[in-house]
C-alpha atoms as a PDB file:
ATOM      1  CA  MET A   1       0.021   0.013   0.010  1.00  0.00           C
ATOM      2  CA  ARG A   2       1.397   3.387  -0.879  1.00  0.00           C
ATOM      3  CA  THR A   3       0.791   6.632   1.040  1.00  0.00           C
ATOM      4  CA  LEU A   4      -0.147   9.440  -1.376  1.00  0.00           C
ATOM      5  CA  MET A   5       1.873  12.569  -1.627  1.00  0.00           C
ATOM      6  CA  ALA A   6       0.355  15.606  -3.484  1.00  0.00           C
ATOM      7  CA  CYS A   7       1.705  16.288  -6.985  1.00  0.00           C
ATOM      8  CA  THR A   8       0.029  19.648  -7.621  1.00  0.00           C
ATOM      9  CA  GLY A   9      -2.608  21.945  -6.093  1.00  0.00           C
ATOM     10  CA  SER A  10      -3.923  23.399  -9.315  1.00  0.00           C
ATOM     11  CA  ARG A  11      -7.533  23.266  -8.150  1.00  0.00           C
ATOM     12  CA  ARG A  12      -6.696  25.281  -5.010  1.00  0.00           C
ATOM     13  CA  VAL A  13      -7.115  28.480  -6.938  1.00  0.00           C
ATOM     14  CA  ARG A  14     -10.558  27.563  -8.025  1.00  0.00           C
ATOM     15  CA  SER A  15     -11.404  26.594  -4.397  1.00  0.00           C
ATOM     16  CA  TRP A  16     -10.254  29.934  -3.149  1.00  0.00           C
ATOM     17  CA  VAL A  17     -12.322  31.768  -5.899  1.00  0.00           C
ATOM     18  CA  VAL A  18     -15.444  29.777  -4.898  1.00  0.00           C
ATOM     19  CA  GLY A  19     -14.783  30.447  -1.269  1.00  0.00           C
ATOM     20  CA  ALA A  20     -14.364  34.173  -1.922  1.00  0.00           C
ATOM     21  CA  ALA A  21     -17.585  34.228  -3.863  1.00  0.00           C
ATOM     22  CA  PHE A  22     -19.491  32.543  -0.961  1.00  0.00           C
ATOM     23  CA  ALA A  23     -17.816  34.955   1.454  1.00  0.00           C
ATOM     24  CA  ALA A  24     -18.988  37.946  -0.647  1.00  0.00           C
ATOM     25  CA  LEU A  25     -22.496  36.557  -0.481  1.00  0.00           C
ATOM     26  CA  GLY A  26     -22.182  36.323   3.328  1.00  0.00           C
ATOM     27  CA  VAL A  27     -22.004  32.498   3.395  1.00  0.00           C
ATOM     28  CA  ALA A  28     -19.041  30.925   5.226  1.00  0.00           C
ATOM     29  CA  ALA A  29     -17.315  28.291   3.110  1.00  0.00           C
ATOM     30  CA  ALA A  30     -13.923  26.795   3.786  1.00  0.00           C
ATOM     31  CA  PRO A  31     -11.750  26.054   0.713  1.00  0.00           C
ATOM     32  CA  ALA A  32     -11.309  22.392  -0.076  1.00  0.00           C
ATOM     33  CA  GLN A  33      -7.920  20.832   0.241  1.00  0.00           C
ATOM     34  CA  ALA A  34      -7.423  20.022  -3.483  1.00  0.00           C
ATOM     35  CA  SER A  35      -4.706  17.450  -4.195  1.00  0.00           C
ATOM     36  CA  THR A  36      -3.706  15.531  -7.254  1.00  0.00           C
ATOM     37  CA  PHE A  37      -2.000  12.113  -7.105  1.00  0.00           C
ATOM     38  CA  TRP A  38      -0.500   9.849  -9.796  1.00  0.00           C
ATOM     39  CA  LEU A  39      -1.489   6.184  -9.355  1.00  0.00           C
ATOM     40  CA  GLY A  40       0.442   5.100 -12.494  1.00  0.00           C
ATOM     41  CA  ASP A  41       0.168   3.470 -15.786  1.00  0.00           C
ATOM     42  CA  VAL A  42      -1.880   0.290 -16.123  1.00  0.00           C
ATOM     43  CA  SER A  43      -0.826  -1.971 -18.981  1.00  0.00           C
ATOM     44  CA  SER A  44      -1.999  -5.360 -17.620  1.00  0.00           C
ATOM     45  CA  PRO A  45      -4.354  -6.677 -14.848  1.00  0.00           C
ATOM     46  CA  LYS A  46      -3.267  -5.405 -11.389  1.00  0.00           C
ATOM     47  CA  THR A  47      -4.521  -4.059  -8.144  1.00  0.00           C
ATOM     48  CA  LEU A  48      -3.498  -0.616  -6.746  1.00  0.00           C
ATOM     49  CA  SER A  49      -3.878   0.356  -3.076  1.00  0.00           C
ATOM     50  CA  TRP A  50      -3.270   3.651  -1.342  1.00  0.00           C
ATOM     51  CA  SER A  51      -4.003   5.587   1.823  1.00  0.00           C
ATOM     52  CA  ARG A  52      -4.596   9.279   2.339  1.00  0.00           C
ATOM     53  CA  SER A  53      -4.220  10.921   5.702  1.00  0.00           C
ATOM     54  CA  GLY A  54      -3.934  14.465   7.097  1.00  0.00           C
ATOM     55  CA  LEU A  55      -7.492  15.529   5.991  1.00  0.00           C
ATOM     56  CA  LEU A  56      -8.945  18.482   7.838  1.00  0.00           C
ATOM     57  CA  GLY A  57     -12.154  20.011   6.646  1.00  0.00           C
ATOM     58  CA  PRO A  58     -13.278  19.858   2.989  1.00  0.00           C
ATOM     59  CA  PHE A  59     -11.089  17.897   0.539  1.00  0.00           C
ATOM     60  CA  ASP A  60     -11.186  17.147  -3.160  1.00  0.00           C
ATOM     61  CA  ASP A  61      -8.610  14.571  -4.280  1.00  0.00           C
ATOM     62  CA  HIS A  62      -7.927  13.569  -7.916  1.00  0.00           C
ATOM     63  CA  LEU A  63      -6.186  10.285  -8.452  1.00  0.00           C
ATOM     64  CA  LEU A  64      -4.833  10.059 -11.926  1.00  0.00           C
ATOM     65  CA  PHE A  65      -4.139   6.918 -13.907  1.00  0.00           C
ATOM     66  CA  THR A  66      -3.592   5.906 -17.507  1.00  0.00           C
ATOM     67  CA  VAL A  67      -4.668   2.589 -19.126  1.00  0.00           C
ATOM     68  CA  THR A  68      -2.008   1.681 -21.708  1.00  0.00           C
ATOM     69  CA  SER A  69      -3.271  -1.793 -22.494  1.00  0.00           C
ATOM     70  CA  SER A  70      -4.174  -2.564 -26.115  1.00  0.00           C
ATOM     71  CA  GLN A  71      -7.203  -4.503 -24.820  1.00  0.00           C
ATOM     72  CA  PRO A  72      -9.875  -2.950 -22.514  1.00  0.00           C
ATOM     73  CA  LEU A  73      -9.625  -3.721 -18.797  1.00  0.00           C
ATOM     74  CA  VAL A  74     -12.458  -4.043 -16.313  1.00  0.00           C
ATOM     75  CA  PHE A  75     -12.142  -1.422 -13.506  1.00  0.00           C
ATOM     76  CA  SER A  76     -13.623  -1.911 -10.042  1.00  0.00           C
ATOM     77  CA  GLY A  77     -12.839  -0.261  -6.695  1.00  0.00           C
ATOM     78  CA  PHE A  78     -13.516   0.310  -3.040  1.00  0.00           C
ATOM     79  CA  VAL A  79     -12.691   3.282  -0.836  1.00  0.00           C
ATOM     80  CA  SER A  80     -13.291   3.492   2.909  1.00  0.00           C
ATOM     81  CA  THR A  81     -12.699   5.923   5.828  1.00  0.00           C
ATOM     82  CA  GLY A  82     -12.618   3.075   8.234  1.00  0.00           C
ATOM     83  CA  ILE A  83     -14.073   3.461  11.741  1.00  0.00           C
ATOM     84  CA  SER A  84     -12.734   6.192  13.933  1.00  0.00           C
ATOM     85  CA  ARG A  85     -13.861   7.504  17.248  1.00  0.00           C
ATOM     86  CA  ARG A  86     -12.096  10.847  16.697  1.00  0.00           C
ATOM     87  CA  SER A  87     -12.969  12.068  13.248  1.00  0.00           C
ATOM     88  CA  PHE A  88     -15.667  11.408  10.657  1.00  0.00           C
ATOM     89  CA  ILE A  89     -16.071  11.844   6.919  1.00  0.00           C
ATOM     90  CA  LEU A  90     -19.768  11.310   6.496  1.00  0.00           C
ATOM     91  CA  ASP A  91     -20.265  13.022   3.093  1.00  0.00           C
ATOM     92  CA  MET A  92     -17.407  11.360   1.126  1.00  0.00           C
ATOM     93  CA  GLU A  93     -18.323  10.764  -2.541  1.00  0.00           C
ATOM     94  CA  GLY A  94     -16.501   9.388  -5.461  1.00  0.00           C
ATOM     95  CA  ASP A  95     -16.629   9.528  -9.263  1.00  0.00           C
ATOM     96  CA  LEU A  96     -14.671   7.873 -12.046  1.00  0.00           C
ATOM     97  CA  LEU A  97     -14.007  10.520 -14.762  1.00  0.00           C
ATOM     98  CA  GLN A  98     -12.463  10.648 -18.156  1.00  0.00           C
ATOM     99  CA  SER A  99      -9.571  12.999 -18.523  1.00  0.00           C
ATOM    100  CA  ASP A 100     -11.982  15.652 -20.028  1.00  0.00           C
ATOM    101  CA  GLY A 101     -13.987  15.701 -16.808  1.00  0.00           C
ATOM    102  CA  SER A 102     -16.981  13.747 -18.018  1.00  0.00           C
ATOM    103  CA  VAL A 103     -18.375  11.298 -15.429  1.00  0.00           C
ATOM    104  CA  LEU A 104     -18.177   7.552 -16.417  1.00  0.00           C
ATOM    105  CA  GLU A 105     -19.484   6.255 -13.081  1.00  0.00           C
ATOM    106  CA  ALA A 106     -20.620   7.723  -9.699  1.00  0.00           C
ATOM    107  CA  GLY A 107     -19.456   5.517  -6.881  1.00  0.00           C
ATOM    108  CA  ASP A 108     -22.129   3.946  -4.652  1.00  0.00           C
ATOM    109  CA  ALA A 109     -21.537   5.694  -1.256  1.00  0.00           C
ATOM    110  CA  GLN A 110     -22.836   4.328   2.022  1.00  0.00           C
ATOM    111  CA  THR A 111     -22.422   5.137   5.692  1.00  0.00           C
ATOM    112  CA  VAL A 112     -22.106   2.173   7.995  1.00  0.00           C
ATOM    113  CA  PHE A 113     -22.415   2.449  11.773  1.00  0.00           C
ATOM    114  CA  THR A 114     -20.830   0.159  14.407  1.00  0.00           C
ATOM    115  CA  PRO A 115     -23.101  -1.163  17.217  1.00  0.00           C
ATOM    116  CA  GLU A 116     -21.593   1.692  19.354  1.00  0.00           C
ATOM    117  CA  GLY A 117     -22.727   4.288  16.758  1.00  0.00           C
ATOM    118  CA  TRP A 118     -19.354   5.176  15.182  1.00  0.00           C
ATOM    119  CA  PRO A 119     -19.606   5.738  11.477  1.00  0.00           C
ATOM    120  CA  SER A 120     -17.591   4.593   8.459  1.00  0.00           C
ATOM    121  CA  ARG A 121     -18.118   5.868   4.990  1.00  0.00           C
ATOM    122  CA  ASP A 122     -17.614   3.404   2.093  1.00  0.00           C
ATOM    123  CA  ILE A 123     -17.667   3.968  -1.688  1.00  0.00           C
ATOM    124  CA  SER A 124     -17.947   1.024  -4.110  1.00  0.00           C
ATOM    125  CA  PHE A 125     -17.263   1.172  -7.861  1.00  0.00           C
ATOM    126  CA  ALA A 126     -18.905  -1.488  -9.903  1.00  0.00           C
ATOM    127  CA  SER A 127     -17.116  -3.224 -12.701  1.00  0.00           C
ATOM    128  CA  PHE A 128     -16.708  -0.792 -15.656  1.00  0.00           C
ATOM    129  CA  SER A 129     -14.793  -1.559 -18.863  1.00  0.00           C
ATOM    130  CA  LEU A 130     -11.980   1.022 -19.670  1.00  0.00           C
ATOM    131  CA  ALA A 131     -10.221   1.373 -23.005  1.00  0.00           C
ATOM    132  CA  SER A 132      -6.734   2.893 -23.383  1.00  0.00           C
ATOM    133  CA  GLY A 133      -6.744   6.508 -22.143  1.00  0.00           C
ATOM    134  CA  SER A 134      -6.350   8.794 -19.122  1.00  0.00           C
ATOM    135  CA  TYR A 135      -8.786   8.637 -16.217  1.00  0.00           C
ATOM    136  CA  VAL A 136      -9.397  10.436 -12.862  1.00  0.00           C
ATOM    137  CA  LEU A 137     -10.763   8.876  -9.713  1.00  0.00           C
ATOM    138  CA  ARG A 138     -12.188  11.857  -7.748  1.00  0.00           C
ATOM    139  CA  ILE A 139     -12.731  11.406  -4.027  1.00  0.00           C
ATOM    140  CA  HIS A 140     -14.191  14.404  -2.154  1.00  0.00           C
ATOM    141  CA  GLY A 141     -15.932  15.173   1.063  1.00  0.00           C
ATOM    142  CA  THR A 142     -15.507  16.904   4.449  1.00  0.00           C
ATOM    143  CA  GLU A 143     -13.627  15.607   7.498  1.00  0.00           C
ATOM    144  CA  THR A 144     -15.376  16.538  10.841  1.00  0.00           C
ATOM    145  CA  SER A 145     -13.731  16.164  14.201  1.00  0.00           C
ATOM    146  CA  ALA A 146     -15.652  14.377  16.896  1.00  0.00           C
ATOM    147  CA  PHE A 147     -14.260  16.929  19.269  1.00  0.00           C
ATOM    148  CA  PRO A 148     -14.938  20.458  17.725  1.00  0.00           C
ATOM    149  CA  ASP A 149     -12.375  22.247  19.850  1.00  0.00           C
ATOM    150  CA  VAL A 150      -9.562  19.843  18.785  1.00  0.00           C
ATOM    151  CA  PRO A 151      -8.478  19.721  15.064  1.00  0.00           C
ATOM    152  CA  ILE A 152      -8.156  15.962  14.441  1.00  0.00           C
ATOM    153  CA  THR A 153      -7.247  14.893  10.921  1.00  0.00           C
ATOM    154  CA  GLY A 154      -9.047  12.170   9.008  1.00  0.00           C
ATOM    155  CA  GLN A 155      -7.998   9.539   6.586  1.00  0.00           C
ATOM    156  CA  TYR A 156      -9.225   7.114   4.002  1.00  0.00           C
ATOM    157  CA  THR A 157      -7.871   4.067   2.127  1.00  0.00           C
ATOM    158  CA  GLY A 158      -8.673   2.719  -1.328  1.00  0.00           C
ATOM    159  CA  THR A 159      -8.091  -0.156  -3.624  1.00  0.00           C
ATOM    160  CA  VAL A 160      -8.828  -0.398  -7.388  1.00  0.00           C
ATOM    161  CA  SER A 161      -8.528  -3.525  -9.477  1.00  0.00           C
ATOM    162  CA  PHE A 162      -8.050  -3.873 -13.225  1.00  0.00           C
ATOM    163  CA  ALA A 163      -8.986  -7.231 -14.814  1.00  0.00           C
ATOM    164  CA  PRO A 164      -9.075  -8.532 -18.390  1.00  0.00           C
ATOM    165  CA  VAL A 165     -12.419  -8.372 -20.219  1.00  0.00           C
ATOM    166  CA  PRO A 166     -13.650 -11.864 -20.862  1.00  0.00           C
ATOM    167  CA  GLU A 167     -13.168 -12.832 -24.488  1.00  0.00           C
ATOM    168  CA  VAL A 168     -15.958 -13.970 -26.837  1.00  0.00           C
ATOM    169  CA  GLN A 169     -14.779 -17.572 -26.564  1.00  0.00           C
ATOM    170  CA  THR A 170     -15.239 -17.481 -22.788  1.00  0.00           C
ATOM    171  CA  TRP A 171     -18.815 -16.224 -23.098  1.00  0.00           C
ATOM    172  CA  ALA A 172     -19.513 -18.942 -25.795  1.00  0.00           C
ATOM    173  CA  MET A 173     -18.238 -21.691 -23.540  1.00  0.00           C
ATOM    174  CA  LEU A 174     -20.421 -20.437 -20.704  1.00  0.00           C
ATOM    175  CA  LEU A 175     -23.491 -20.389 -22.839  1.00  0.00           C
ATOM    176  CA  VAL A 176     -22.774 -23.948 -24.215  1.00  0.00           C
ATOM    177  CA  GLY A 177     -22.286 -25.189 -20.662  1.00  0.00           C
ATOM    178  CA  LEU A 178     -25.534 -23.650 -19.467  1.00  0.00           C
ATOM    179  CA  ALA A 179     -27.387 -25.102 -22.473  1.00  0.00           C
ATOM    180  CA  ALA A 180     -25.954 -28.545 -21.725  1.00  0.00           C
ATOM    181  CA  VAL A 181     -27.012 -28.438 -18.083  1.00  0.00           C
ATOM    182  CA  GLY A 182     -30.508 -27.298 -19.135  1.00  0.00           C
ATOM    183  CA  TRP A 183     -30.791 -30.057 -21.755  1.00  0.00           C
ATOM    184  CA  LEU A 184     -29.540 -32.664 -19.217  1.00  0.00           C
ATOM    185  CA  ARG A 185     -32.102 -31.544 -16.624  1.00  0.00           C
ATOM    186  CA  ALA A 186     -34.915 -31.609 -19.179  1.00  0.00           C
ATOM    187  CA  TRP A 187     -33.832 -35.117 -20.398  1.00  0.00           C
ATOM    188  CA  ARG A 188     -33.691 -36.519 -16.822  1.00  0.00           C
ATOM    189  CA  GLY A 189     -37.100 -35.057 -16.127  1.00  0.00           C
ATOM    190  CA  LYS A 190     -38.593 -36.911 -19.043  1.00  0.00           C
ATOM    191  CA  THR A 191     -37.133 -40.297 -18.085  1.00  0.00           C
ATOM    192  CA  ARG A 192     -38.550 -40.244 -14.591  1.00  0.00           C
END
């Protein structure tokens, strides 16, 4: 598992502009911690894991990766804040974007509570076929301390997997097998 280090803060300017606009309207808004991270090139099936810590207040992380495989790869992923009794990230969301910013898939975000009432926020990304190109996994939300007078930082971890897309022959064999099982069952039903 790798710990992410920020590459650039190019969205920080936009966050400050938005924050200034809200302040001008009389609405208090803290600028998001905008960070960009490079996950790497993906040329074959693999799994990438990472952790992000030091979150305080709003954050907007962009995790960049490039699929360089000549064949499409199936993308799936899971991001979690884990369970903490000191800080919460209840509104964490995630999106899989193309490099132009268009959304390919919005992650399925859920808050899970322990029996003691402590929350964990999880985001699941279903299987999605990706062709060669550049992509962005955007994770954003707001960290909130359980103790308002004490600034405690939050964290999250994530894992994404890239698998080969099943070939046509694989699907054909599956269908032939299902047809054979169906025929065998029907044949046995007639002989009884």
